Amino acid sequence: MAEFCLDCWNKITGKNDPASKYIISKDLDLCEECGNITNVIIMERKSYYLRKFRFIIFPFKIIYILIRGIVLLPYNIYRIIKLKKNKKL
């Protein structure tokens, strides 16, 4: 597999991707494009785009949790009352 540093990879692809989009090696290695010994890209992060949308999804998660709690509230009250009655008997 070819190993490129982030600068060379952005130059090859014509993009300006941030380093957080890729998993970058901790050890120094030879970049095959520029020939410098630097940290190289190992692979692209799979959940990069999901991380970008987590702030959009967050309000919907909160609303779901609140609605689920409100809908299940009568059942939970019924269950608690039933358990208390069973303990008294």
N, C-alpha and C. Protein backbone atom coordinates (compact mmCIF):
# COMPACT_ATOMS: atom_id res chain seq x y z
N MET A 1 0.85 -1.18 0.00
CA MET A 1 0.00 0.00 0.00
C MET A 1 0.90 1.24 0.00
N ALA A 2 0.50 2.20 -0.76
CA ALA A 2 1.27 3.44 -0.84
C ALA A 2 1.08 4.25 0.44
N GLU A 3 2.14 4.89 0.87
CA GLU A 3 2.09 5.68 2.10
C GLU A 3 2.45 7.12 1.76
N PHE A 4 1.51 8.01 2.02
CA PHE A 4 1.70 9.43 1.73
C PHE A 4 1.47 10.24 2.99
N CYS A 5 2.17 11.37 3.11
CA CYS A 5 1.89 12.29 4.21
C CYS A 5 0.63 13.08 3.86
N LEU A 6 0.08 13.76 4.82
CA LEU A 6 -1.18 14.46 4.63
C LEU A 6 -1.06 15.56 3.57
N ASP A 7 0.05 16.29 3.57
CA ASP A 7 0.22 17.36 2.59
C ASP A 7 0.27 16.81 1.17
N CYS A 8 1.02 15.74 0.97
CA CYS A 8 1.11 15.15 -0.36
C CYS A 8 -0.22 14.55 -0.79
N TRP A 9 -0.94 13.94 0.16
CA TRP A 9 -2.24 13.35 -0.17
C TRP A 9 -3.22 14.43 -0.60
N ASN A 10 -3.23 15.56 0.10
CA ASN A 10 -4.10 16.67 -0.30
C ASN A 10 -3.70 17.22 -1.66
N LYS A 11 -2.40 17.23 -1.95
CA LYS A 11 -1.94 17.72 -3.23
C LYS A 11 -2.33 16.76 -4.35
N ILE A 12 -2.24 15.45 -4.10
CA ILE A 12 -2.59 14.44 -5.11
C ILE A 12 -4.08 14.46 -5.40
N THR A 13 -4.90 14.51 -4.36
CA THR A 13 -6.35 14.45 -4.55
C THR A 13 -6.95 15.80 -4.91
N GLY A 14 -6.22 16.87 -4.68
CA GLY A 14 -6.74 18.20 -4.99
C GLY A 14 -7.73 18.69 -3.96
N LYS A 15 -7.70 18.14 -2.77
CA LYS A 15 -8.61 18.54 -1.69
C LYS A 15 -7.80 19.16 -0.58
N ASN A 16 -8.51 19.69 0.42
CA ASN A 16 -7.85 20.24 1.61
C ASN A 16 -8.48 19.59 2.85
N ASP A 17 -8.32 18.26 2.94
CA ASP A 17 -8.90 17.50 4.05
C ASP A 17 -8.12 17.73 5.33
N PRO A 18 -8.83 17.80 6.49
CA PRO A 18 -8.13 17.95 7.77
C PRO A 18 -7.53 16.62 8.21
N ALA A 19 -6.62 16.69 9.14
CA ALA A 19 -5.96 15.48 9.65
C ALA A 19 -6.93 14.59 10.43
N SER A 20 -8.02 15.17 10.95
CA SER A 20 -8.97 14.38 11.72
C SER A 20 -9.76 13.40 10.85
N LYS A 21 -9.71 13.57 9.55
CA LYS A 21 -10.42 12.66 8.65
C LYS A 21 -9.68 11.35 8.46
N TYR A 22 -8.39 11.33 8.80
CA TYR A 22 -7.56 10.15 8.56
C TYR A 22 -6.93 9.65 9.85
N ILE A 23 -6.58 8.38 9.87
CA ILE A 23 -5.79 7.82 10.94
C ILE A 23 -4.33 7.95 10.50
N ILE A 24 -3.55 8.70 11.26
CA ILE A 24 -2.17 9.00 10.90
C ILE A 24 -1.24 8.21 11.82
N SER A 25 -0.17 7.70 11.25
CA SER A 25 0.77 6.87 12.01
C SER A 25 1.46 7.68 13.10
N LYS A 26 1.78 7.01 14.21
CA LYS A 26 2.51 7.66 15.29
C LYS A 26 4.01 7.66 15.00
N ASP A 27 4.45 6.62 14.30
CA ASP A 27 5.87 6.50 13.98
C ASP A 27 6.18 7.22 12.67
N LEU A 28 7.40 7.64 12.53
CA LEU A 28 7.83 8.30 11.30
C LEU A 28 8.07 7.25 10.22
N ASP A 29 7.70 7.62 9.00
CA ASP A 29 7.86 6.71 7.87
C ASP A 29 8.17 7.53 6.63
N LEU A 30 8.60 6.88 5.58
CA LEU A 30 8.98 7.56 4.34
C LEU A 30 7.75 7.84 3.50
N CYS A 31 7.53 9.11 3.16
CA CYS A 31 6.44 9.48 2.26
C CYS A 31 6.90 9.16 0.84
N GLU A 32 6.07 8.45 0.09
CA GLU A 32 6.47 8.02 -1.25
C GLU A 32 6.38 9.13 -2.28
N GLU A 33 5.72 10.22 -1.97
CA GLU A 33 5.59 11.32 -2.92
C GLU A 33 6.75 12.31 -2.77
N CYS A 34 6.94 12.83 -1.56
CA CYS A 34 7.96 13.87 -1.38
C CYS A 34 9.30 13.30 -0.91
N GLY A 35 9.33 12.08 -0.41
CA GLY A 35 10.57 11.45 0.01
C GLY A 35 11.04 11.86 1.40
N ASN A 36 10.24 12.62 2.13
CA ASN A 36 10.60 13.03 3.49
C ASN A 36 10.17 11.95 4.49
N ILE A 37 10.86 11.93 5.62
CA ILE A 37 10.47 11.03 6.69
C ILE A 37 9.53 11.80 7.60
N THR A 38 8.26 11.39 7.61
CA THR A 38 7.21 12.09 8.34
C THR A 38 6.12 11.10 8.72
N ASN A 39 5.11 11.57 9.42
CA ASN A 39 3.95 10.74 9.74
C ASN A 39 3.12 10.57 8.46
N VAL A 40 2.68 9.35 8.21
CA VAL A 40 1.93 9.07 6.98
C VAL A 40 0.51 8.65 7.32
N ILE A 41 -0.34 8.70 6.31
CA ILE A 41 -1.74 8.31 6.47
C ILE A 41 -1.82 6.79 6.43
N ILE A 42 -2.49 6.21 7.44
CA ILE A 42 -2.69 4.76 7.46
C ILE A 42 -3.98 4.42 6.73
N MET A 43 -5.07 5.08 7.09
CA MET A 43 -6.36 4.84 6.44
C MET A 43 -7.32 5.97 6.77
N GLU A 44 -8.44 6.02 6.05
CA GLU A 44 -9.47 7.03 6.30
C GLU A 44 -10.38 6.55 7.43
N ARG A 45 -10.79 7.48 8.28
CA ARG A 45 -11.72 7.13 9.36
C ARG A 45 -13.07 6.80 8.75
N LYS A 46 -13.68 5.71 9.21
CA LYS A 46 -14.95 5.28 8.64
C LYS A 46 -16.12 6.11 9.15
N SER A 47 -16.06 6.53 10.39
CA SER A 47 -17.19 7.26 10.98
C SER A 47 -16.98 8.77 10.93
N TYR A 48 -16.15 9.24 10.04
CA TYR A 48 -15.84 10.67 9.99
C TYR A 48 -17.08 11.50 9.70
N TYR A 49 -17.86 11.07 8.70
CA TYR A 49 -19.04 11.86 8.34
C TYR A 49 -20.15 11.74 9.38
N LEU A 50 -20.25 10.60 10.06
CA LEU A 50 -21.24 10.47 11.13
C LEU A 50 -20.90 11.40 12.29
N ARG A 51 -19.60 11.58 12.56
CA ARG A 51 -19.19 12.50 13.60
C ARG A 51 -19.57 13.93 13.25
N LYS A 52 -19.54 14.27 11.95
CA LYS A 52 -19.89 15.61 11.51
C LYS A 52 -21.37 15.90 11.78
N PHE A 53 -22.22 14.89 11.64
CA PHE A 53 -23.66 15.09 11.77
C PHE A 53 -24.19 14.83 13.16
N ARG A 54 -23.31 14.57 14.13
CA ARG A 54 -23.80 14.26 15.47
C ARG A 54 -24.51 15.45 16.12
N PHE A 55 -24.13 16.66 15.76
CA PHE A 55 -24.79 17.83 16.32
C PHE A 55 -26.18 18.04 15.72
N ILE A 56 -26.39 17.55 14.51
CA ILE A 56 -27.72 17.62 13.90
C ILE A 56 -28.62 16.56 14.49
N ILE A 57 -28.07 15.38 14.76
CA ILE A 57 -28.85 14.25 15.27
C ILE A 57 -29.15 14.41 16.76
N PHE A 58 -28.31 15.11 17.51
CA PHE A 58 -28.45 15.22 18.96
C PHE A 58 -29.82 15.72 19.42
N PRO A 59 -30.38 16.82 18.84
CA PRO A 59 -31.71 17.26 19.30
C PRO A 59 -32.79 16.21 19.09
N PHE A 60 -32.70 15.44 18.00
CA PHE A 60 -33.69 14.40 17.75
C PHE A 60 -33.57 13.27 18.77
N LYS A 61 -32.37 12.96 19.20
CA LYS A 61 -32.19 11.94 20.24
C LYS A 61 -32.82 12.40 21.55
N ILE A 62 -32.61 13.67 21.91
CA ILE A 62 -33.18 14.20 23.15
C ILE A 62 -34.71 14.17 23.09
N ILE A 63 -35.29 14.58 21.97
CA ILE A 63 -36.75 14.57 21.81
C ILE A 63 -37.27 13.14 21.91
N TYR A 64 -36.58 12.18 21.30
CA TYR A 64 -36.99 10.77 21.36
C TYR A 64 -36.99 10.27 22.80
N ILE A 65 -35.94 10.59 23.54
CA ILE A 65 -35.85 10.14 24.92
C ILE A 65 -36.97 10.74 25.77
N LEU A 66 -37.25 12.03 25.58
CA LEU A 66 -38.32 12.67 26.34
C LEU A 66 -39.68 12.09 25.99
N ILE A 67 -39.97 11.89 24.72
CA ILE A 67 -41.27 11.34 24.31
C ILE A 67 -41.42 9.91 24.82
N ARG A 68 -40.36 9.11 24.73
CA ARG A 68 -40.42 7.74 25.22
C ARG A 68 -40.69 7.72 26.72
N GLY A 69 -40.07 8.64 27.45
CA GLY A 69 -40.30 8.71 28.88
C GLY A 69 -41.72 9.11 29.22
N ILE A 70 -42.28 10.04 28.47
CA ILE A 70 -43.66 10.49 28.72
C ILE A 70 -44.65 9.40 28.36
N VAL A 71 -44.42 8.69 27.26
CA VAL A 71 -45.34 7.63 26.84
C VAL A 71 -45.30 6.46 27.81
N LEU A 72 -44.12 6.12 28.32
CA LEU A 72 -44.00 4.98 29.23
C LEU A 72 -44.28 5.33 30.68
N LEU A 73 -44.48 6.59 31.00
CA LEU A 73 -44.71 7.00 32.38
C LEU A 73 -45.93 6.32 33.01
N PRO A 74 -47.10 6.27 32.34
CA PRO A 74 -48.24 5.58 32.99
C PRO A 74 -47.95 4.09 33.26
N TYR A 75 -47.28 3.43 32.35
CA TYR A 75 -46.95 2.02 32.56
C TYR A 75 -45.99 1.85 33.73
N ASN A 76 -45.02 2.72 33.83
CA ASN A 76 -44.06 2.63 34.94
C ASN A 76 -44.74 2.88 36.28
N ILE A 77 -45.65 3.83 36.32
CA ILE A 77 -46.41 4.08 37.56
C ILE A 77 -47.24 2.86 37.93
N TYR A 78 -47.92 2.27 36.96
CA TYR A 78 -48.73 1.07 37.18
C TYR A 78 -47.85 -0.06 37.72
N ARG A 79 -46.69 -0.26 37.14
CA ARG A 79 -45.80 -1.33 37.55
C ARG A 79 -45.30 -1.13 38.98
N ILE A 80 -44.97 0.11 39.33
CA ILE A 80 -44.50 0.41 40.68
C ILE A 80 -45.60 0.16 41.71
N ILE A 81 -46.81 0.60 41.40
CA ILE A 81 -47.96 0.38 42.31
C ILE A 81 -48.21 -1.12 42.47
N LYS A 82 -48.14 -1.86 41.38
CA LYS A 82 -48.37 -3.30 41.44
C LYS A 82 -47.30 -4.00 42.29
N LEU A 83 -46.04 -3.58 42.15
CA LEU A 83 -44.98 -4.17 42.96
C LEU A 83 -45.17 -3.87 44.45
N LYS A 84 -45.60 -2.66 44.76
CA LYS A 84 -45.83 -2.29 46.16
C LYS A 84 -46.98 -3.12 46.77
N LYS A 85 -48.04 -3.36 45.98
CA LYS A 85 -49.15 -4.17 46.46
C LYS A 85 -48.71 -5.60 46.71
N ASN A 86 -47.88 -6.14 45.81
CA ASN A 86 -47.40 -7.52 45.96
C ASN A 86 -46.50 -7.67 47.18
N LYS A 87 -45.74 -6.65 47.53
CA LYS A 87 -44.88 -6.73 48.70
C LYS A 87 -45.69 -6.68 49.99
N LYS A 88 -46.82 -5.98 50.00
CA LYS A 88 -47.66 -5.89 51.20
C LYS A 88 -48.38 -7.20 51.47
N LEU A 89 -48.65 -7.96 50.40
CA LEU A 89 -49.38 -9.22 50.59
C LEU A 89 -48.42 -10.23 51.08
